[in-house]
Amino acid sequence: MTNEIVVNFNSGEMTPQTDARDDIEKYAGGCRQLDNMIPDQFGNATKRPGTELIVAGNGVACYYPIPPDTGKVRISTPQELQDVNNDLTEDYEVINNIDMVGFTWTPIGLSPLDPFTGTFDGNFFTISNLSYTSGNVDKGGLFSATNNCSIIQVVLKDIVIRGKAQLGGLVGFTSTLTFISDCHVDGITIISTRDFGGFKNLSQCGGMIGGFTGASAGNVQRSSVKNLSLRAERFATCGGFMGNLALGNYINCYAQGAFEAYDGDTPSTFSTGTSSFLGGFCGLETGVDYTNCYAAVVLPPDTIIFGAPPDEMGGCSGLQNAGTDYTSCYWDLDVSTYEFGSEGQQKAGLAGKTTGQMFSEATFVDWDFDDIWDIVENTSYPTLRTEWSEIERRKVCQPI
């Protein structure tokens, strides 16, 4: 019988006594530090997307960031990010983390008549502490309005948006042929500044996107929202991931967070019988295909719904219009405390599960837990493997 040495990157701390030794089995594939490589619980490691192999030694591969694309405008500061508004048709890429604290932000493509139509690659760098108050103007987020564009690999963390309608962490309102991939929002608070009928009101708001509509509206894939707080006393067409959606495909996405009763910054109570179209993932949807998506969002009590509750609220969506289909999608029954998936009904391909079941890989039928999703069994919800903002990145790799 032959003992085959298995690469193991988490065997323990390297010391001078074991430096450059491969006769000790556990250190044969050791590494002092990893650059853009993520060790798993079994000791193997995978590279971070957006990197390439530079050097290999003693069986250990080192991955370094891909050099910036000279064909794109490079963004490294808050002001350079703001300057995207100077040319909404250009191709852009972020080349380092950007802290927006203290910067007065104007969303990119503020007018729907002049939306962003270029390409934007965040390269998985983190844009943090962005704050925006829209006042009486609709549409706000990192982008205000987009159309026929590509937005990929954007990571937003700890952002606050104040306004009344069409607000989202990434995009306030997007339309025809917008493509969004590998974008992640972690920590977003959307606060109503609008009084309507004596109550603070939010309309068409979501953690990632406020409104998304248009012919062949586009695709969103491998994107997530977590630590979301939607704050108002009444809501119209709001969801954990997006508010209003017409047409498009959503593949491998999720939302985690809560609707919360607030009057501005002050805790309040929900207005009874005044809200409509609320969902854990989306408020109102028409002609949408969902595949491998889930929501774990705390919903308001159904007494908030105008008319005949619970017809306009669901663990996944508030109202599902014609042409919407689900494939292997789920919502957390314990978190939402809501037994119906959409508009007070059960829907094919959409299932409510307990938190315990949502913490188990076996629940998610035909999901790819090798390349797309990850899960800590019996401990956490599934997460996407492109959520690299959660790890310490770009260390120097020094193979033994």
Protein backbone atom coordinates (compact mmCIF):
# COMPACT_ATOMS: atom_id res chain seq x y z
CA MET A 1 0.00 0.00 0.00
CA THR A 2 1.36 3.43 -0.96
CA ASN A 3 0.74 6.47 1.19
CA GLU A 4 0.02 9.42 -1.06
CA ILE A 5 0.86 12.84 0.33
CA VAL A 6 -2.13 15.16 0.20
CA VAL A 7 -1.63 18.90 -0.01
CA ASN A 8 -2.71 20.46 3.28
CA PHE A 9 -2.53 24.21 3.78
CA ASN A 10 -3.90 24.35 7.32
CA SER A 11 -1.69 21.87 9.16
CA GLY A 12 -0.29 24.50 11.48
CA GLU A 13 2.10 27.40 11.71
CA MET A 14 5.38 27.14 9.81
CA THR A 15 8.56 27.53 11.87
CA PRO A 16 12.27 27.80 10.96
CA GLN A 17 12.68 24.20 12.12
CA THR A 18 10.35 22.94 9.39
CA ASP A 19 11.38 25.45 6.73
CA ALA A 20 11.93 23.75 3.37
CA ARG A 21 11.36 20.25 4.73
CA ASP A 22 9.14 17.84 2.89
CA ASP A 23 10.11 14.75 4.85
CA ILE A 24 7.49 15.64 7.46
CA GLU A 25 4.28 14.63 5.74
CA LYS A 26 2.02 17.31 7.13
CA TYR A 27 4.31 20.08 5.86
CA ALA A 28 4.92 18.62 2.40
CA GLY A 29 2.41 20.98 0.86
CA GLY A 30 2.57 23.70 3.50
CA CYS A 31 2.53 27.42 2.88
CA ARG A 32 3.36 30.25 5.27
CA GLN A 33 0.89 32.60 3.63
CA LEU A 34 -1.59 32.32 0.81
CA ASP A 35 -2.08 34.94 -1.86
CA ASN A 36 -5.64 34.97 -3.21
CA MET A 37 -6.12 31.32 -2.27
CA ILE A 38 -8.84 30.09 0.06
CA PRO A 39 -8.19 26.99 2.22
CA ASP A 40 -11.17 24.79 2.90
CA GLN A 41 -11.85 22.69 5.96
CA PHE A 42 -10.00 19.73 4.47
CA GLY A 43 -6.78 21.65 3.86
CA ASN A 44 -7.07 22.12 0.13
CA ALA A 45 -7.09 25.60 -1.43
CA THR A 46 -8.70 27.24 -4.43
CA LYS A 47 -7.72 30.45 -6.16
CA ARG A 48 -9.70 33.67 -5.99
CA PRO A 49 -11.47 34.61 -9.24
CA GLY A 50 -9.66 37.39 -11.05
CA THR A 51 -6.18 35.98 -10.42
CA GLU A 52 -3.73 33.99 -12.49
CA LEU A 53 -0.89 31.57 -11.85
CA ILE A 54 2.44 33.38 -11.59
CA VAL A 55 4.85 30.87 -10.03
CA ALA A 56 4.80 27.35 -8.64
CA GLY A 57 7.21 25.73 -6.24
CA ASN A 58 7.31 22.46 -4.31
CA GLY A 59 3.86 21.64 -5.62
CA VAL A 60 2.32 24.86 -4.30
CA ALA A 61 0.77 27.29 -6.79
CA CYS A 62 0.90 31.02 -6.12
CA TYR A 63 -1.79 33.25 -7.58
CA TYR A 64 -1.43 37.00 -7.97
CA PRO A 65 -3.93 39.61 -9.15
CA ILE A 66 -4.29 39.91 -12.88
CA PRO A 67 -2.61 43.12 -14.07
CA PRO A 68 -5.08 45.96 -14.66
CA ASP A 69 -6.70 46.06 -18.06
CA THR A 70 -5.11 48.96 -19.93
CA GLY A 71 -8.25 49.24 -22.04
CA LYS A 72 -10.31 50.32 -19.03
CA VAL A 73 -10.40 53.48 -16.94
CA ARG A 74 -8.93 52.61 -13.54
CA ILE A 75 -10.66 53.70 -10.31
CA SER A 76 -8.73 53.93 -7.03
CA THR A 77 -10.27 56.83 -5.03
CA PRO A 78 -13.75 58.11 -4.10
CA GLN A 79 -13.35 61.03 -6.49
CA GLU A 80 -12.37 58.76 -9.39
CA LEU A 81 -15.45 56.68 -8.63
CA GLN A 82 -17.56 59.83 -8.68
CA ASP A 83 -15.99 60.87 -11.98
CA VAL A 84 -17.66 57.93 -13.73
CA ASN A 85 -20.51 60.41 -14.13
CA ASN A 86 -18.32 62.37 -16.55
CA ASP A 87 -18.53 59.58 -19.13
CA LEU A 88 -21.37 57.11 -18.68
CA THR A 89 -20.40 55.06 -21.75
CA GLU A 90 -16.81 54.15 -20.77
CA ASP A 91 -15.36 50.85 -19.50
CA TYR A 92 -14.20 51.03 -15.86
CA GLU A 93 -12.45 48.85 -13.30
CA VAL A 94 -11.72 49.27 -9.58
CA ILE A 95 -8.08 48.52 -8.64
CA ASN A 96 -8.16 48.72 -4.82
CA ASN A 97 -10.52 48.95 -1.85
CA ILE A 98 -12.28 52.33 -1.60
CA ASP A 99 -13.54 53.81 1.68
CA MET A 100 -16.28 56.38 1.00
CA VAL A 101 -16.55 57.67 4.58
CA GLY A 102 -17.14 61.42 4.61
CA PHE A 103 -17.55 61.64 0.82
CA THR A 104 -20.70 63.33 -0.51
CA TRP A 105 -21.97 60.84 -3.06
CA THR A 106 -23.95 61.47 -6.24
CA PRO A 107 -25.10 58.15 -7.79
CA ILE A 108 -23.75 57.20 -11.20
CA GLY A 109 -26.26 57.94 -14.00
CA LEU A 110 -28.51 60.06 -11.82
CA SER A 111 -31.08 60.69 -14.57
CA PRO A 112 -32.95 57.81 -16.27
CA LEU A 113 -32.70 59.93 -19.42
CA ASP A 114 -28.91 59.67 -19.15
CA PRO A 115 -28.20 56.24 -17.58
CA PHE A 116 -24.91 54.39 -17.27
CA THR A 117 -24.39 52.31 -20.43
CA GLY A 118 -20.75 51.24 -20.13
CA THR A 119 -19.08 48.37 -18.28
CA PHE A 120 -18.01 48.36 -14.64
CA ASP A 121 -15.73 45.72 -13.07
CA GLY A 122 -15.25 45.97 -9.30
CA ASN A 123 -12.58 43.22 -9.33
CA PHE A 124 -14.00 42.07 -5.95
CA PHE A 125 -12.47 45.07 -4.19
CA THR A 126 -14.67 46.50 -1.42
CA ILE A 127 -16.43 49.85 -1.71
CA SER A 128 -17.39 50.68 1.87
CA ASN A 129 -19.21 53.33 3.91
CA LEU A 130 -21.09 54.88 1.00
CA SER A 131 -23.86 57.21 2.14
CA TYR A 132 -26.49 58.90 -0.02
CA THR A 133 -29.59 61.00 0.65
CA SER A 134 -31.85 61.38 -2.38
CA GLY A 135 -34.22 64.01 -1.00
CA ASN A 136 -37.14 64.37 -3.40
CA VAL A 137 -35.29 62.63 -6.26
CA ASP A 138 -36.08 58.98 -7.01
CA LYS A 139 -33.47 56.38 -7.87
CA GLY A 140 -30.38 55.96 -5.73
CA GLY A 141 -27.54 53.59 -4.90
CA LEU A 142 -24.03 53.14 -6.25
CA PHE A 143 -25.73 53.57 -9.63
CA SER A 144 -28.92 55.56 -10.04
CA ALA A 145 -30.02 54.42 -13.51
CA THR A 146 -28.47 51.89 -15.93
CA ASN A 147 -29.35 50.60 -19.38
CA ASN A 148 -27.72 48.09 -21.72
CA CYS A 149 -24.63 47.74 -19.52
CA SER A 150 -22.52 45.23 -17.61
CA ILE A 151 -21.79 45.46 -13.86
CA ILE A 152 -19.65 42.67 -12.41
CA GLN A 153 -17.65 41.75 -9.30
CA VAL A 154 -18.80 44.72 -7.19
CA VAL A 155 -18.62 44.38 -3.40
CA LEU A 156 -20.46 46.98 -1.30
CA LYS A 157 -20.20 47.03 2.48
CA ASP A 158 -21.87 49.11 5.19
CA ILE A 159 -23.85 51.58 3.11
CA VAL A 160 -26.77 53.85 4.01
CA ILE A 161 -29.32 55.22 1.54
CA ARG A 162 -32.05 57.68 2.44
CA GLY A 163 -34.92 58.48 0.11
CA LYS A 164 -38.41 57.55 -0.97
CA ALA A 165 -38.46 55.38 -4.10
CA GLN A 166 -36.42 53.19 -6.46
CA LEU A 167 -33.53 52.68 -4.07
CA GLY A 168 -31.07 49.79 -4.10
CA GLY A 169 -27.56 49.14 -2.88
CA LEU A 170 -26.17 48.57 -6.36
CA VAL A 171 -28.75 50.19 -8.67
CA GLY A 172 -31.82 52.33 -8.09
CA PHE A 173 -33.46 51.61 -11.44
CA THR A 174 -32.18 49.50 -14.31
CA SER A 175 -33.68 48.55 -17.64
CA THR A 176 -33.10 46.91 -20.98
CA LEU A 177 -30.26 44.38 -21.23
CA THR A 178 -28.45 45.16 -18.00
CA PHE A 179 -26.18 42.28 -16.94
CA ILE A 180 -25.16 41.91 -13.27
CA SER A 181 -22.82 39.17 -12.07
CA ASP A 182 -20.93 38.34 -8.87
CA CYS A 183 -22.06 41.45 -6.99
CA HIS A 184 -22.43 41.41 -3.21
CA VAL A 185 -23.97 43.85 -0.75
CA ASP A 186 -23.12 43.23 2.90
CA GLY A 187 -24.63 45.68 5.35
CA ILE A 188 -27.17 48.05 3.82
CA THR A 189 -29.73 50.30 5.47
CA ILE A 190 -32.42 51.99 3.35
CA ILE A 191 -34.32 54.67 5.28
CA SER A 192 -37.50 56.42 4.19
CA THR A 193 -37.46 60.22 4.09
CA ARG A 194 -40.95 60.51 2.60
CA ASP A 195 -44.14 61.17 4.52
CA PHE A 196 -47.16 59.63 2.81
CA GLY A 197 -50.52 59.56 4.52
CA GLY A 198 -48.86 60.49 7.78
CA PHE A 199 -46.37 57.63 7.67
CA LYS A 200 -42.83 57.17 6.40
CA ASN A 201 -43.06 55.28 3.09
CA LEU A 202 -40.67 53.34 0.85
CA SER A 203 -41.56 52.36 -2.72
CA GLN A 204 -39.73 50.06 -5.16
CA CYS A 205 -36.76 49.36 -2.90
CA GLY A 206 -34.47 46.37 -2.51
CA GLY A 207 -31.09 45.48 -1.08
CA MET A 208 -29.50 45.10 -4.54
CA ILE A 209 -31.91 46.76 -7.01
CA GLY A 210 -34.89 49.10 -6.64
CA GLY A 211 -36.65 48.68 -9.98
CA PHE A 212 -35.66 46.40 -12.87
CA THR A 213 -37.73 46.48 -16.03
CA GLY A 214 -37.64 46.61 -19.83
CA ALA A 215 -37.58 44.36 -22.86
CA SER A 216 -35.34 41.40 -22.10
CA ALA A 217 -34.32 43.21 -18.93
CA GLY A 218 -31.19 41.10 -18.55
CA ASN A 219 -29.66 38.60 -16.23
CA VAL A 220 -28.46 38.64 -12.64
CA GLN A 221 -26.30 35.78 -11.43
CA ARG A 222 -24.22 34.76 -8.41
CA SER A 223 -25.12 37.86 -6.40
CA SER A 224 -26.17 38.40 -2.80
CA VAL A 225 -27.59 40.76 -0.20
CA LYS A 226 -27.15 40.25 3.52
CA ASN A 227 -27.50 42.32 6.69
CA LEU A 228 -30.25 44.36 5.02
CA SER A 229 -32.55 46.74 6.90
CA LEU A 230 -35.51 48.31 5.03
CA ARG A 231 -36.81 51.04 7.36
CA ALA A 232 -40.23 52.64 7.02
CA GLU A 233 -43.76 52.46 8.45
CA ARG A 234 -45.42 51.48 5.18
CA PHE A 235 -44.03 49.89 2.01
CA ALA A 236 -45.05 49.54 -1.63
CA THR A 237 -43.35 46.99 -3.89
CA CYS A 238 -40.28 46.21 -1.79
CA GLY A 239 -38.17 43.06 -1.40
CA GLY A 240 -34.98 41.81 0.15
CA PHE A 241 -33.12 41.64 -3.16
CA MET A 242 -35.19 43.94 -5.40
CA GLY A 243 -38.40 45.92 -5.33
CA ASN A 244 -40.06 45.70 -8.73
CA LEU A 245 -38.99 43.31 -11.49
CA ALA A 246 -40.27 42.77 -15.02
CA LEU A 247 -38.55 40.23 -17.26
CA GLY A 248 -35.15 38.60 -16.82
CA ASN A 249 -33.36 35.64 -15.29
CA TYR A 250 -32.09 35.38 -11.72
CA ILE A 251 -29.68 32.52 -11.11
CA ASN A 252 -27.82 31.64 -7.89
CA CYS A 253 -28.80 34.69 -5.81
CA TYR A 254 -29.98 35.25 -2.24
CA ALA A 255 -31.18 37.88 0.23
CA GLN A 256 -30.93 38.02 4.02
CA GLY A 257 -32.27 40.85 6.17
CA ALA A 258 -35.41 42.45 7.58
CA PHE A 259 -38.23 44.93 7.08
CA GLU A 260 -38.19 47.19 10.14
CA ALA A 261 -40.63 49.79 11.43
CA TYR A 262 -38.92 53.19 11.60
CA ASP A 263 -39.91 56.84 11.45
CA GLY A 264 -36.65 58.14 10.00
CA ASP A 265 -34.00 57.06 12.52
CA THR A 266 -36.50 56.41 15.31
CA PRO A 267 -38.02 52.96 15.91
CA SER A 268 -41.75 53.05 15.27
CA THR A 269 -44.64 50.72 14.41
CA PHE A 270 -45.92 49.50 11.05
CA SER A 271 -48.94 51.25 9.59
CA THR A 272 -51.88 48.83 9.49
CA GLY A 273 -53.55 48.10 6.16
CA THR A 274 -51.51 50.51 4.03
CA SER A 275 -48.76 48.45 2.33
CA SER A 276 -48.70 46.31 -0.79
CA PHE A 277 -46.46 43.83 -2.63
CA LEU A 278 -43.81 42.77 -0.11
CA GLY A 279 -41.54 39.75 -0.51
CA GLY A 280 -38.43 38.22 0.96
CA PHE A 281 -36.72 38.34 -2.43
CA CYS A 282 -38.88 40.59 -4.64
CA GLY A 283 -41.95 42.77 -4.11
CA LEU A 284 -43.62 42.53 -7.53
CA GLU A 285 -42.49 40.44 -10.50
CA THR A 286 -43.64 39.73 -14.06
CA GLY A 287 -42.14 37.31 -16.57
CA VAL A 288 -39.15 36.28 -14.46
CA ASP A 289 -37.25 33.00 -14.27
CA TYR A 290 -35.65 32.18 -10.90
CA THR A 291 -33.18 29.32 -10.55
CA ASN A 292 -31.41 28.31 -7.32
CA CYS A 293 -32.30 31.40 -5.27
CA TYR A 294 -33.37 31.83 -1.65
CA ALA A 295 -34.58 34.44 0.84
CA ALA A 296 -34.21 34.64 4.60
CA VAL A 297 -35.88 37.97 5.33
CA VAL A 298 -37.98 39.03 8.31
CA LEU A 299 -41.31 40.25 6.93
CA PRO A 300 -43.80 42.62 8.60
CA PRO A 301 -47.04 41.15 10.04
CA ASP A 302 -49.64 40.57 7.33
CA THR A 303 -51.87 43.20 8.98
CA ILE A 304 -49.69 45.77 7.21
CA ILE A 305 -51.16 44.74 3.84
CA PHE A 306 -53.84 46.88 2.22
CA GLY A 307 -56.95 45.04 1.14
CA ALA A 308 -57.15 41.32 1.80
CA PRO A 309 -53.95 39.99 3.37
CA PRO A 310 -52.04 37.84 2.73
CA ASP A 311 -52.63 38.17 -1.03
CA GLU A 312 -49.82 40.67 -1.60
CA MET A 313 -47.02 39.25 0.54
CA GLY A 314 -44.87 36.13 0.42
CA GLY A 315 -41.71 34.52 1.72
CA CYS A 316 -40.17 34.99 -1.72
CA SER A 317 -42.35 37.50 -3.59
CA GLY A 318 -45.33 39.71 -2.86
CA LEU A 319 -47.11 39.30 -6.17
CA GLN A 320 -46.20 36.98 -9.05
CA ASN A 321 -47.66 38.01 -12.37
CA ALA A 322 -47.86 35.95 -15.56
CA GLY A 323 -44.76 34.26 -16.90
CA THR A 324 -42.83 33.90 -13.64
CA ASP A 325 -41.26 30.50 -12.93
CA TYR A 326 -39.21 29.08 -10.06
CA THR A 327 -36.71 26.23 -10.15
CA SER A 328 -35.32 24.93 -6.85
CA CYS A 329 -35.93 28.16 -4.90
CA TYR A 330 -36.55 28.49 -1.15
CA TRP A 331 -37.40 30.81 1.70
CA ASP A 332 -36.89 30.47 5.47
CA LEU A 333 -40.21 29.81 7.19
CA ASP A 334 -38.83 30.52 10.66
CA VAL A 335 -37.31 33.87 9.74
CA SER A 336 -40.15 35.22 7.61
CA THR A 337 -42.79 33.58 9.86
CA TYR A 338 -44.80 33.38 6.68
CA GLU A 339 -46.16 30.15 5.26
CA PHE A 340 -46.75 31.19 1.65
CA GLY A 341 -44.17 31.69 -1.06
CA SER A 342 -45.98 34.31 -3.15
CA GLU A 343 -49.28 36.26 -2.98
CA GLY A 344 -50.64 34.04 -0.25
CA GLN A 345 -50.16 30.84 -2.29
CA GLN A 346 -47.75 27.97 -2.75
CA LYS A 347 -45.88 27.98 -6.06
CA ALA A 348 -44.27 25.16 -8.04
CA GLY A 349 -40.48 25.16 -7.69
CA LEU A 350 -40.64 27.37 -4.58
CA ALA A 351 -40.55 25.81 -1.12
CA GLY A 352 -40.55 27.09 2.43
CA LYS A 353 -38.06 25.40 4.79
CA THR A 354 -37.17 25.74 8.45
CA THR A 355 -33.91 27.39 9.42
CA GLY A 356 -32.49 23.98 10.30
CA GLN A 357 -33.32 22.69 6.84
CA MET A 358 -31.85 25.83 5.25
CA PHE A 359 -28.58 25.02 7.02
CA SER A 360 -28.33 21.67 5.22
CA GLU A 361 -26.91 21.08 1.75
CA ALA A 362 -29.39 18.25 1.20
CA THR A 363 -32.26 20.77 1.12
CA PHE A 364 -31.08 22.50 -2.04
CA VAL A 365 -31.94 20.23 -4.94
CA ASP A 366 -29.50 20.31 -7.88
CA TRP A 367 -27.47 23.19 -6.47
CA ASP A 368 -23.74 23.23 -7.29
CA PHE A 369 -21.84 23.11 -4.01
CA ASP A 370 -18.56 22.35 -5.74
CA ASP A 371 -18.03 25.50 -7.78
CA ILE A 372 -20.80 28.01 -7.01
CA TRP A 373 -22.16 27.57 -3.49
CA ASP A 374 -20.61 26.79 -0.12
CA ILE A 375 -22.22 25.86 3.20
CA VAL A 376 -21.11 25.10 6.75
CA GLU A 377 -23.37 22.17 7.49
CA ASN A 378 -25.84 22.72 10.36
CA THR A 379 -24.33 26.17 11.00
CA SER A 380 -25.14 28.63 8.23
CA TYR A 381 -27.11 29.36 5.09
CA PRO A 382 -25.49 28.72 1.72
CA THR A 383 -23.10 31.44 0.59
CA LEU A 384 -21.58 32.11 -2.80
CA ARG A 385 -17.96 31.25 -3.40
CA THR A 386 -17.37 34.66 -4.97
CA GLU A 387 -18.03 36.47 -1.66
CA TRP A 388 -14.37 37.18 -1.17
CA SER A 389 -15.00 40.28 0.90
CA GLU A 390 -15.37 38.00 3.92
CA ILE A 391 -11.75 36.81 3.89
CA GLU A 392 -8.37 38.43 4.29
CA ARG A 393 -7.01 38.79 0.79
CA ARG A 394 -3.84 39.57 -1.12
CA LYS A 395 -1.28 38.18 1.29
CA VAL A 396 2.16 37.27 0.02
CA CYS A 397 2.39 33.64 -0.98
CA GLN A 398 5.68 32.06 0.08
CA PRO A 399 5.90 28.39 -0.81
CA ILE A 400 8.35 26.34 1.21
